[in-house]
Every structure is written in C-alpha cells, then in structure tokens.
Amino acid sequence: MSSEEAYPSSLYVEHDVRLTARRAGMIEQVLVDRGSTVRKGQLLASVETEEADHELEMAQEEQRLAQADYDRMRPLSEEKMISPQELFRAE
C-alpha cells in the first residue's frame, strides 16, 4: 500500500554556468534533455558548421594565392622590376 503527499516546494539550480561554442553555426542536435544533470566537459549539442568550414576553406585558398603572388613578386622587387609599393600591396 503506497500513499502520496504533496508539499509546496521550489527548486533552485546548484550552479549557473555560461555556455559558449568554439565555432559559430546553427544548432544541429541537442544531446541532453532539459533539466538533466550534466558534467563539466559533457557535449550538450552539436553545431552545424558546413558554412563555416566552407568559409575557412575559401580564406585558406585566398591566403595561399596571396602568398604565391608575394613569392612571385619578391624577386621582381629585388631586381627593381616592380615598385616597392607593388611589393608592399602584395604583402
């Protein structure tokens, strides 16, 4: 035989924490339920990073091309075939 009794009560969190993500993106999947106990370092959600990954690839390609331009222009500058300003712009 079981009995139930109800009492007025309030719940308080033990710790407030600030959540941050290492990368920008849209939340793809939430991996814990609201109100669940979690541990430090536990993965709470996954972030869709396809767009950010694409932007990173584009930036890396632009950097590679800029470096190639600079590498091509440096010997020309040493031979005085281009102006110092042109080399500076390539830097």
Protein backbone atom coordinates (compact mmCIF):
# COMPACT_ATOMS: atom_id res chain seq x y z
CA MET A 1 0.00 0.00 0.00
CA SER A 2 1.54 3.34 -1.04
CA SER A 3 0.44 6.83 -0.24
CA GLU A 4 1.36 10.16 -1.76
CA GLU A 5 1.58 13.51 -0.10
CA ALA A 6 2.11 16.86 -1.81
CA TYR A 7 4.07 19.74 -0.31
CA PRO A 8 4.70 23.18 -1.77
CA SER A 9 8.33 23.48 -2.83
CA SER A 10 10.78 25.37 -5.03
CA LEU A 11 13.77 24.07 -6.96
CA TYR A 12 16.98 26.03 -7.38
CA VAL A 13 20.00 25.32 -9.55
CA GLU A 14 23.20 24.39 -7.80
CA HIS A 15 25.39 26.31 -10.27
CA ASP A 16 24.74 28.79 -13.06
CA VAL A 17 27.09 28.44 -16.00
CA ARG A 18 27.71 30.37 -19.19
CA LEU A 19 27.64 28.23 -22.30
CA THR A 20 29.80 29.09 -25.27
CA ALA A 21 30.60 27.39 -28.55
CA ARG A 22 34.05 27.13 -30.07
CA ARG A 23 32.62 27.76 -33.54
CA ALA A 24 29.70 29.68 -34.96
CA GLY A 25 26.85 27.78 -36.58
CA MET A 26 23.30 26.59 -36.19
CA ILE A 27 22.46 24.01 -33.52
CA GLU A 28 22.06 20.74 -35.37
CA GLN A 29 21.21 18.42 -32.49
CA VAL A 30 20.59 18.82 -28.74
CA LEU A 31 22.15 15.88 -26.91
CA VAL A 32 20.66 16.30 -23.41
CA ASP A 33 17.16 16.79 -22.09
CA ARG A 34 16.10 19.99 -20.34
CA GLY A 35 16.64 19.60 -16.61
CA SER A 36 19.20 16.80 -16.98
CA THR A 37 22.26 16.69 -14.77
CA VAL A 38 25.39 17.29 -16.83
CA ARG A 39 29.10 17.05 -16.14
CA LYS A 40 31.87 19.51 -16.93
CA GLY A 41 33.07 18.94 -20.48
CA GLN A 42 30.00 16.92 -21.50
CA LEU A 43 28.83 17.54 -25.06
CA LEU A 44 25.41 19.22 -24.88
CA ALA A 45 24.70 19.92 -28.54
CA SER A 46 26.24 19.61 -31.96
CA VAL A 47 26.63 22.62 -34.22
CA GLU A 48 26.22 22.56 -38.00
CA THR A 49 29.44 24.03 -39.32
CA GLU A 50 29.27 23.35 -43.06
CA GLU A 51 29.06 27.06 -43.94
CA ALA A 52 31.86 27.99 -41.53
CA ASP A 53 34.01 25.15 -42.90
CA HIS A 54 33.43 26.43 -46.44
CA GLU A 55 34.35 29.99 -45.41
CA LEU A 56 37.54 28.68 -43.78
CA GLU A 57 38.49 26.79 -46.95
CA MET A 58 37.89 29.94 -49.03
CA ALA A 59 40.01 32.07 -46.68
CA GLN A 60 42.82 29.49 -46.75
CA GLU A 61 42.74 29.46 -50.57
CA GLU A 62 42.85 33.28 -50.68
CA GLN A 63 45.84 33.24 -48.31
CA ARG A 64 47.60 30.63 -50.46
CA LEU A 65 47.06 32.73 -53.60
CA ALA A 66 48.26 35.91 -51.86
CA GLN A 67 51.39 34.10 -50.67
CA ALA A 68 52.04 32.85 -54.21
CA ASP A 69 51.71 36.42 -55.54
CA TYR A 70 54.13 37.70 -52.92
CA ASP A 71 56.62 34.89 -53.61
CA ARG A 72 56.46 35.72 -57.33
CA MET A 73 56.85 39.48 -56.79
CA ARG A 74 59.69 39.45 -54.26
CA PRO A 75 62.44 38.54 -56.77
CA LEU A 76 60.99 41.12 -59.18
CA SER A 77 61.28 43.75 -56.45
CA GLU A 78 64.87 42.77 -55.70
CA GLU A 79 65.68 43.23 -59.40
CA LYS A 80 63.87 46.62 -59.36
CA MET A 81 61.38 45.36 -61.95
CA ILE A 82 58.41 46.40 -59.79
CA SER A 83 58.00 49.28 -57.38
CA PRO A 84 58.31 48.88 -53.60
CA GLN A 85 54.63 49.86 -53.39
CA GLU A 86 53.61 46.89 -55.53
CA LEU A 87 55.51 44.53 -53.25
CA PHE A 88 54.01 46.24 -50.21
CA ARG A 89 50.48 45.69 -51.60
CA ALA A 90 51.33 42.02 -52.13
CA GLU A 91 52.43 41.69 -48.51
